[in-house]
N, C-alpha and C. Protein backbone atom coordinates (compact mmCIF):
# COMPACT_ATOMS: atom_id res chain seq x y z
N UNK A 1 0.82 -1.19 0.00
CA UNK A 1 0.00 0.00 0.00
C UNK A 1 0.87 1.26 0.00
N UNK A 2 1.66 1.45 1.05
CA UNK A 2 2.57 2.60 1.09
C UNK A 2 3.98 2.10 0.79
N UNK A 3 4.65 2.77 -0.13
CA UNK A 3 5.95 2.29 -0.60
C UNK A 3 7.10 3.24 -0.38
N UNK A 4 6.79 4.50 -0.01
CA UNK A 4 7.87 5.48 0.16
C UNK A 4 7.48 6.46 1.26
N UNK A 5 8.17 6.35 2.39
CA UNK A 5 7.87 7.16 3.56
C UNK A 5 8.84 8.33 3.67
N UNK A 6 8.30 9.51 3.97
CA UNK A 6 9.15 10.64 4.34
C UNK A 6 9.13 10.72 5.86
N UNK A 7 10.32 10.74 6.45
CA UNK A 7 10.42 10.78 7.91
C UNK A 7 11.27 11.99 8.31
N UNK A 8 10.62 13.09 8.72
CA UNK A 8 11.38 14.24 9.19
C UNK A 8 11.96 13.96 10.58
N UNK A 9 13.22 14.29 10.75
CA UNK A 9 13.90 14.13 12.04
C UNK A 9 14.71 15.38 12.31
N UNK A 10 14.97 15.63 13.60
CA UNK A 10 15.69 16.86 13.95
C UNK A 10 16.86 16.65 14.90
N UNK A 11 17.11 15.42 15.27
CA UNK A 11 18.22 15.15 16.18
C UNK A 11 17.85 15.29 17.65
N UNK A 12 16.59 15.61 17.95
CA UNK A 12 16.15 15.74 19.33
C UNK A 12 16.01 14.36 19.97
N UNK A 13 15.58 14.35 21.22
CA UNK A 13 15.43 13.09 21.94
C UNK A 13 14.40 12.16 21.28
N UNK A 14 13.51 12.70 20.48
CA UNK A 14 12.50 11.87 19.81
C UNK A 14 12.98 11.26 18.49
N UNK A 15 14.14 11.67 18.02
CA UNK A 15 14.64 11.17 16.74
C UNK A 15 14.83 9.66 16.77
N UNK A 16 15.36 9.12 17.85
CA UNK A 16 15.57 7.67 17.93
C UNK A 16 14.25 6.91 17.80
N UNK A 17 13.20 7.46 18.40
CA UNK A 17 11.87 6.83 18.29
C UNK A 17 11.38 6.87 16.85
N UNK A 18 11.56 8.00 16.18
CA UNK A 18 11.13 8.14 14.78
C UNK A 18 11.91 7.17 13.89
N UNK A 19 13.19 7.05 14.13
CA UNK A 19 14.02 6.15 13.33
C UNK A 19 13.57 4.71 13.51
N UNK A 20 13.48 4.26 14.75
CA UNK A 20 13.12 2.86 15.01
C UNK A 20 11.73 2.53 14.49
N UNK A 21 10.75 3.38 14.77
CA UNK A 21 9.37 3.08 14.36
C UNK A 21 9.21 3.12 12.85
N UNK A 22 9.83 4.09 12.20
CA UNK A 22 9.67 4.19 10.74
C UNK A 22 10.38 3.05 10.02
N UNK A 23 11.52 2.63 10.54
CA UNK A 23 12.22 1.49 9.93
C UNK A 23 11.40 0.22 10.10
N UNK A 24 10.83 0.03 11.27
CA UNK A 24 9.98 -1.14 11.50
C UNK A 24 8.78 -1.12 10.56
N UNK A 25 8.14 0.02 10.42
CA UNK A 25 6.99 0.15 9.51
C UNK A 25 7.42 -0.10 8.05
N UNK A 26 8.51 0.51 7.63
CA UNK A 26 8.98 0.33 6.26
C UNK A 26 9.30 -1.13 5.97
N UNK A 27 9.90 -1.80 6.92
CA UNK A 27 10.23 -3.22 6.74
C UNK A 27 8.94 -4.04 6.57
N UNK A 28 7.93 -3.75 7.37
CA UNK A 28 6.66 -4.47 7.26
C UNK A 28 5.95 -4.20 5.94
N UNK A 29 6.07 -2.98 5.45
CA UNK A 29 5.38 -2.59 4.21
C UNK A 29 6.19 -2.88 2.95
N UNK A 30 7.47 -3.17 3.12
CA UNK A 30 8.35 -3.29 1.96
C UNK A 30 8.60 -1.93 1.32
N UNK A 31 8.66 -0.91 2.15
CA UNK A 31 8.79 0.48 1.67
C UNK A 31 10.21 1.00 1.85
N UNK A 32 10.49 2.08 1.15
CA UNK A 32 11.76 2.79 1.34
C UNK A 32 11.49 4.03 2.19
N UNK A 33 12.57 4.60 2.71
CA UNK A 33 12.46 5.79 3.56
C UNK A 33 13.33 6.90 3.00
N UNK A 34 12.76 8.10 3.01
CA UNK A 34 13.55 9.31 2.82
C UNK A 34 13.57 10.01 4.17
N UNK A 35 14.74 10.09 4.77
CA UNK A 35 14.91 10.84 6.01
C UNK A 35 15.13 12.31 5.64
N UNK A 36 14.49 13.20 6.37
CA UNK A 36 14.56 14.62 6.03
C UNK A 36 14.85 15.47 7.26
N UNK A 37 15.86 16.32 7.14
CA UNK A 37 16.18 17.28 8.19
C UNK A 37 15.98 18.67 7.62
N UNK A 38 15.14 19.45 8.27
CA UNK A 38 14.90 20.84 7.88
C UNK A 38 15.61 21.74 8.88
N UNK A 39 16.68 22.36 8.43
CA UNK A 39 17.46 23.25 9.29
C UNK A 39 16.97 24.69 9.10
N UNK A 40 17.00 25.49 10.15
CA UNK A 40 16.55 26.87 10.02
C UNK A 40 17.53 27.72 9.21
N UNK A 41 16.97 28.66 8.47
CA UNK A 41 17.82 29.61 7.76
C UNK A 41 18.44 30.54 8.80
N UNK A 42 19.51 31.20 8.41
CA UNK A 42 20.18 32.15 9.30
C UNK A 42 19.23 33.30 9.60
N UNK A 43 18.96 33.57 10.86
CA UNK A 43 18.07 34.69 11.19
C UNK A 43 18.71 36.02 10.82
N UNK A 44 17.87 36.98 10.55
CA UNK A 44 18.37 38.32 10.23
C UNK A 44 19.05 38.91 11.46
N UNK A 45 20.14 39.64 11.26
CA UNK A 45 20.83 40.23 12.41
C UNK A 45 19.95 41.27 13.09
N UNK A 46 20.12 41.39 14.40
CA UNK A 46 19.31 42.35 15.16
C UNK A 46 19.86 43.76 15.08
N UNK A 47 21.10 43.89 14.61
CA UNK A 47 21.72 45.21 14.46
C UNK A 47 22.46 45.24 13.12
N UNK A 48 22.68 46.42 12.58
CA UNK A 48 23.40 46.51 11.30
C UNK A 48 24.79 45.85 11.39
N UNK A 49 25.15 45.12 10.36
CA UNK A 49 26.44 44.43 10.30
C UNK A 49 27.08 44.71 8.95
N UNK A 50 28.39 44.54 8.89
CA UNK A 50 29.10 44.72 7.63
C UNK A 50 28.84 43.52 6.73
N UNK A 51 29.02 43.72 5.43
CA UNK A 51 28.78 42.64 4.48
C UNK A 51 29.72 41.47 4.74
N UNK A 52 30.98 41.76 5.05
CA UNK A 52 31.95 40.71 5.34
C UNK A 52 31.54 39.89 6.56
N UNK A 53 31.05 40.56 7.58
CA UNK A 53 30.61 39.87 8.78
C UNK A 53 29.43 38.96 8.45
N UNK A 54 28.49 39.47 7.67
CA UNK A 54 27.31 38.68 7.31
C UNK A 54 27.69 37.45 6.49
N UNK A 55 28.63 37.62 5.56
CA UNK A 55 29.06 36.49 4.74
C UNK A 55 29.75 35.43 5.59
N UNK A 56 30.59 35.87 6.52
CA UNK A 56 31.26 34.93 7.43
C UNK A 56 30.25 34.21 8.31
N UNK A 57 29.29 34.95 8.83
CA UNK A 57 28.25 34.35 9.67
C UNK A 57 27.43 33.33 8.87
N UNK A 58 27.13 33.65 7.62
CA UNK A 58 26.38 32.73 6.76
C UNK A 58 27.18 31.46 6.50
N UNK A 59 28.48 31.59 6.23
CA UNK A 59 29.33 30.40 6.01
C UNK A 59 29.36 29.51 7.25
N UNK A 60 29.52 30.13 8.41
CA UNK A 60 29.56 29.35 9.66
C UNK A 60 28.22 28.66 9.93
N UNK A 61 27.15 29.38 9.69
CA UNK A 61 25.81 28.81 9.89
C UNK A 61 25.60 27.63 8.93
N UNK A 62 25.96 27.81 7.66
CA UNK A 62 25.82 26.73 6.67
C UNK A 62 26.62 25.51 7.09
N UNK A 63 27.85 25.72 7.52
CA UNK A 63 28.70 24.60 7.92
C UNK A 63 28.13 23.88 9.15
N UNK A 64 27.65 24.65 10.11
CA UNK A 64 27.11 24.06 11.33
C UNK A 64 25.83 23.25 11.04
N UNK A 65 24.92 23.83 10.27
CA UNK A 65 23.67 23.13 9.99
C UNK A 65 23.91 21.91 9.09
N UNK A 66 24.84 22.04 8.14
CA UNK A 66 25.16 20.91 7.27
C UNK A 66 25.73 19.75 8.09
N UNK A 67 26.65 20.06 8.99
CA UNK A 67 27.25 19.01 9.82
C UNK A 67 26.20 18.35 10.71
N UNK A 68 25.33 19.15 11.30
CA UNK A 68 24.28 18.59 12.16
C UNK A 68 23.37 17.66 11.36
N UNK A 69 22.88 18.14 10.22
CA UNK A 69 21.96 17.34 9.40
C UNK A 69 22.62 16.06 8.92
N UNK A 70 23.85 16.17 8.45
CA UNK A 70 24.55 14.97 7.98
C UNK A 70 24.73 13.94 9.10
N UNK A 71 25.03 14.40 10.29
CA UNK A 71 25.19 13.49 11.42
C UNK A 71 23.91 12.75 11.75
N UNK A 72 22.79 13.47 11.79
CA UNK A 72 21.50 12.85 12.07
C UNK A 72 21.15 11.84 10.97
N UNK A 73 21.33 12.24 9.72
CA UNK A 73 20.97 11.37 8.60
C UNK A 73 21.89 10.16 8.47
N UNK A 74 23.16 10.32 8.79
CA UNK A 74 24.08 9.17 8.76
C UNK A 74 23.67 8.12 9.79
N UNK A 75 23.27 8.58 10.96
CA UNK A 75 22.81 7.65 12.00
C UNK A 75 21.54 6.92 11.54
N UNK A 76 20.61 7.67 10.94
CA UNK A 76 19.37 7.09 10.41
C UNK A 76 19.70 6.07 9.33
N UNK A 77 20.59 6.43 8.41
CA UNK A 77 20.96 5.54 7.31
C UNK A 77 21.59 4.25 7.83
N UNK A 78 22.44 4.34 8.83
CA UNK A 78 23.08 3.14 9.37
C UNK A 78 22.04 2.19 9.95
N UNK A 79 21.05 2.72 10.64
CA UNK A 79 19.98 1.89 11.21
C UNK A 79 19.15 1.24 10.10
N UNK A 80 18.82 2.01 9.08
CA UNK A 80 18.03 1.49 7.96
C UNK A 80 18.80 0.40 7.23
N UNK A 81 20.07 0.63 7.03
CA UNK A 81 20.91 -0.35 6.32
C UNK A 81 20.96 -1.67 7.09
N UNK A 82 21.14 -1.59 8.41
CA UNK A 82 21.17 -2.81 9.24
C UNK A 82 19.85 -3.58 9.12
N UNK A 83 18.74 -2.86 8.93
CA UNK A 83 17.43 -3.50 8.82
C UNK A 83 17.08 -3.90 7.39
N UNK A 84 17.93 -3.54 6.43
CA UNK A 84 17.66 -3.88 5.04
C UNK A 84 16.61 -3.00 4.39
N UNK A 85 16.44 -1.79 4.91
CA UNK A 85 15.43 -0.86 4.37
C UNK A 85 16.13 0.17 3.49
N UNK A 86 15.69 0.31 2.23
CA UNK A 86 16.28 1.34 1.36
C UNK A 86 16.09 2.73 1.96
N UNK A 87 17.15 3.54 1.91
CA UNK A 87 17.14 4.83 2.58
C UNK A 87 17.84 5.89 1.73
N UNK A 88 17.28 7.08 1.77
CA UNK A 88 17.91 8.27 1.19
C UNK A 88 17.78 9.37 2.24
N UNK A 89 18.84 10.10 2.46
CA UNK A 89 18.80 11.22 3.40
C UNK A 89 18.89 12.54 2.67
N UNK A 90 18.05 13.50 3.07
CA UNK A 90 18.02 14.81 2.44
C UNK A 90 17.92 15.87 3.53
N UNK A 91 18.58 17.00 3.29
CA UNK A 91 18.41 18.11 4.22
C UNK A 91 18.41 19.42 3.46
N UNK A 92 17.83 20.43 4.10
CA UNK A 92 17.71 21.74 3.48
C UNK A 92 17.60 22.79 4.57
N UNK A 93 18.00 24.00 4.25
CA UNK A 93 17.77 25.14 5.14
C UNK A 93 16.49 25.81 4.69
N UNK A 94 15.58 26.04 5.63
CA UNK A 94 14.25 26.50 5.27
C UNK A 94 13.73 27.54 6.25
N UNK A 95 12.88 28.44 5.76
CA UNK A 95 12.26 29.39 6.68
C UNK A 95 11.06 28.79 7.42
N UNK A 96 10.37 27.83 6.80
CA UNK A 96 9.19 27.20 7.43
C UNK A 96 9.31 25.69 7.33
N UNK A 97 9.43 25.05 8.46
CA UNK A 97 9.64 23.61 8.51
C UNK A 97 8.45 22.85 7.92
N UNK A 98 7.24 23.23 8.28
CA UNK A 98 6.07 22.50 7.79
C UNK A 98 5.98 22.54 6.26
N UNK A 99 6.22 23.69 5.67
CA UNK A 99 6.20 23.79 4.21
C UNK A 99 7.29 22.94 3.58
N UNK A 100 8.46 22.92 4.20
CA UNK A 100 9.59 22.14 3.67
C UNK A 100 9.30 20.65 3.73
N UNK A 101 8.66 20.19 4.80
CA UNK A 101 8.33 18.77 4.92
C UNK A 101 7.37 18.35 3.81
N UNK A 102 6.35 19.14 3.61
CA UNK A 102 5.36 18.84 2.57
C UNK A 102 6.01 18.87 1.19
N UNK A 103 6.81 19.89 0.94
CA UNK A 103 7.48 20.02 -0.37
C UNK A 103 8.44 18.86 -0.62
N UNK A 104 9.18 18.44 0.41
CA UNK A 104 10.11 17.33 0.26
C UNK A 104 9.36 16.03 -0.05
N UNK A 105 8.26 15.80 0.63
CA UNK A 105 7.47 14.59 0.39
C UNK A 105 6.94 14.57 -1.05
N UNK A 106 6.43 15.70 -1.50
CA UNK A 106 5.89 15.77 -2.85
C UNK A 106 7.00 15.64 -3.90
N UNK A 107 8.11 16.32 -3.69
CA UNK A 107 9.21 16.31 -4.66
C UNK A 107 9.84 14.92 -4.80
N UNK A 108 9.82 14.15 -3.73
CA UNK A 108 10.46 12.84 -3.75
C UNK A 108 9.48 11.70 -4.03
N UNK A 109 8.24 12.04 -4.27
CA UNK A 109 7.25 11.02 -4.60
C UNK A 109 6.86 10.14 -3.42
N UNK A 110 6.92 10.67 -2.22
CA UNK A 110 6.53 9.90 -1.04
C UNK A 110 5.01 9.75 -0.99
N UNK A 111 4.56 8.64 -0.42
CA UNK A 111 3.12 8.44 -0.31
C UNK A 111 2.62 8.45 1.12
N UNK A 112 3.52 8.70 2.08
CA UNK A 112 3.13 8.87 3.48
C UNK A 112 4.22 9.64 4.21
N UNK A 113 3.80 10.46 5.15
CA UNK A 113 4.73 11.17 6.04
C UNK A 113 4.59 10.56 7.42
N UNK A 114 5.71 10.26 8.05
CA UNK A 114 5.72 9.70 9.40
C UNK A 114 6.45 10.70 10.30
N UNK A 115 5.74 11.22 11.30
CA UNK A 115 6.31 12.23 12.19
C UNK A 115 6.13 11.82 13.64
N UNK A 116 7.05 12.31 14.46
CA UNK A 116 6.93 12.14 15.91
C UNK A 116 6.55 13.50 16.47
N UNK A 117 5.58 13.48 17.39
CA UNK A 117 5.16 14.72 18.02
C UNK A 117 5.75 14.82 19.41
N UNK A 118 6.04 16.04 19.83
CA UNK A 118 6.56 16.26 21.17
C UNK A 118 5.46 16.12 22.22
N UNK A 119 4.20 16.26 21.81
CA UNK A 119 3.09 16.12 22.76
C UNK A 119 3.15 17.12 23.88
N UNK A 120 3.38 18.38 23.55
CA UNK A 120 3.55 19.41 24.57
C UNK A 120 2.24 19.82 25.24
N UNK A 121 1.12 19.48 24.66
CA UNK A 121 -0.16 19.90 25.21
C UNK A 121 -0.54 21.27 24.68
N UNK A 122 -1.71 21.74 25.09
CA UNK A 122 -2.26 23.00 24.56
C UNK A 122 -1.36 24.20 24.87
N UNK A 123 -0.84 24.29 26.07
CA UNK A 123 0.00 25.43 26.43
C UNK A 123 1.31 25.41 25.65
N UNK A 124 1.91 24.23 25.52
CA UNK A 124 3.15 24.10 24.75
C UNK A 124 2.96 24.44 23.29
N UNK A 125 1.83 24.01 22.74
CA UNK A 125 1.54 24.35 21.34
C UNK A 125 1.34 25.85 21.17
N UNK A 126 0.71 26.47 22.16
CA UNK A 126 0.52 27.92 22.10
C UNK A 126 1.87 28.63 22.07
N UNK A 127 2.81 28.17 22.90
CA UNK A 127 4.13 28.80 22.97
C UNK A 127 5.01 28.47 21.77
N UNK A 128 5.04 27.20 21.39
CA UNK A 128 6.00 26.74 20.40
C UNK A 128 5.40 26.39 19.04
N UNK A 129 4.09 26.25 18.98
CA UNK A 129 3.46 25.82 17.74
C UNK A 129 3.58 24.32 17.59
N UNK A 130 2.97 23.81 16.55
CA UNK A 130 3.03 22.37 16.30
C UNK A 130 3.31 22.15 14.82
N UNK A 131 4.51 21.66 14.52
CA UNK A 131 4.86 21.33 13.14
C UNK A 131 3.95 20.22 12.62
N UNK A 132 3.65 19.27 13.48
CA UNK A 132 2.81 18.15 13.06
C UNK A 132 1.43 18.63 12.64
N UNK A 133 0.82 19.50 13.44
CA UNK A 133 -0.51 20.03 13.07
C UNK A 133 -0.44 20.83 11.78
N UNK A 134 0.63 21.59 11.61
CA UNK A 134 0.78 22.40 10.40
C UNK A 134 0.93 21.50 9.16
N UNK A 135 1.68 20.41 9.29
CA UNK A 135 1.83 19.47 8.17
C UNK A 135 0.49 18.80 7.88
N UNK A 136 -0.21 18.39 8.92
CA UNK A 136 -1.51 17.76 8.74
C UNK A 136 -2.47 18.69 8.00
N UNK A 137 -2.46 19.96 8.38
CA UNK A 137 -3.36 20.93 7.75
C UNK A 137 -2.96 21.24 6.30
N UNK A 138 -1.68 21.16 5.98
CA UNK A 138 -1.22 21.58 4.67
C UNK A 138 -0.96 20.49 3.65
N UNK A 139 -0.94 19.24 4.07
CA UNK A 139 -0.57 18.15 3.17
C UNK A 139 -1.79 17.35 2.73
N UNK A 140 -1.72 16.86 1.52
CA UNK A 140 -2.74 15.94 1.00
C UNK A 140 -2.35 14.49 1.24
N UNK A 141 -1.11 14.27 1.69
CA UNK A 141 -0.62 12.92 1.93
C UNK A 141 -1.07 12.40 3.30
N UNK A 142 -1.20 11.08 3.43
CA UNK A 142 -1.48 10.52 4.75
C UNK A 142 -0.31 10.85 5.71
N UNK A 143 -0.66 11.10 6.96
CA UNK A 143 0.33 11.45 7.97
C UNK A 143 0.16 10.49 9.14
N UNK A 144 1.22 9.75 9.46
CA UNK A 144 1.22 8.89 10.63
C UNK A 144 1.95 9.63 11.73
N UNK A 145 1.27 9.85 12.84
CA UNK A 145 1.84 10.60 13.95
C UNK A 145 2.18 9.62 15.07
N UNK A 146 3.43 9.62 15.47
CA UNK A 146 3.91 8.77 16.56
C UNK A 146 4.06 9.62 17.81
N UNK A 147 3.74 9.05 18.93
CA UNK A 147 3.87 9.80 20.19
C UNK A 147 4.71 9.02 21.15
């Protein structure tokens, strides 16, 4: 039924749960996984800066986010490989995580998105928002939410 899962991960404490559960599901379905890390774009400076400073800051930010994403995806890939599940890892710097997740799923031909929710409750969602709810509201693809 489902043959290609998009699994967004961020390296948080819930990433291990997302990795294990999605690999188990993919193995049962005979599906492949695209692991996706959406890194934040460099925020605008709060005070005027020189062009050289901004370029240096952008290079450092790019290097830091690239290293973080690659580390998370390499760990995911190693687990998938051990389980015999086909895996591709992708990452991008984005202004809106929910839009990036949906776009990545559509661009890669995924037929389901598998996400882990932090389960912060109503107050936590008010403070931090919910990427999972935003993806659910914006995507036409089935969404499996793990808690």
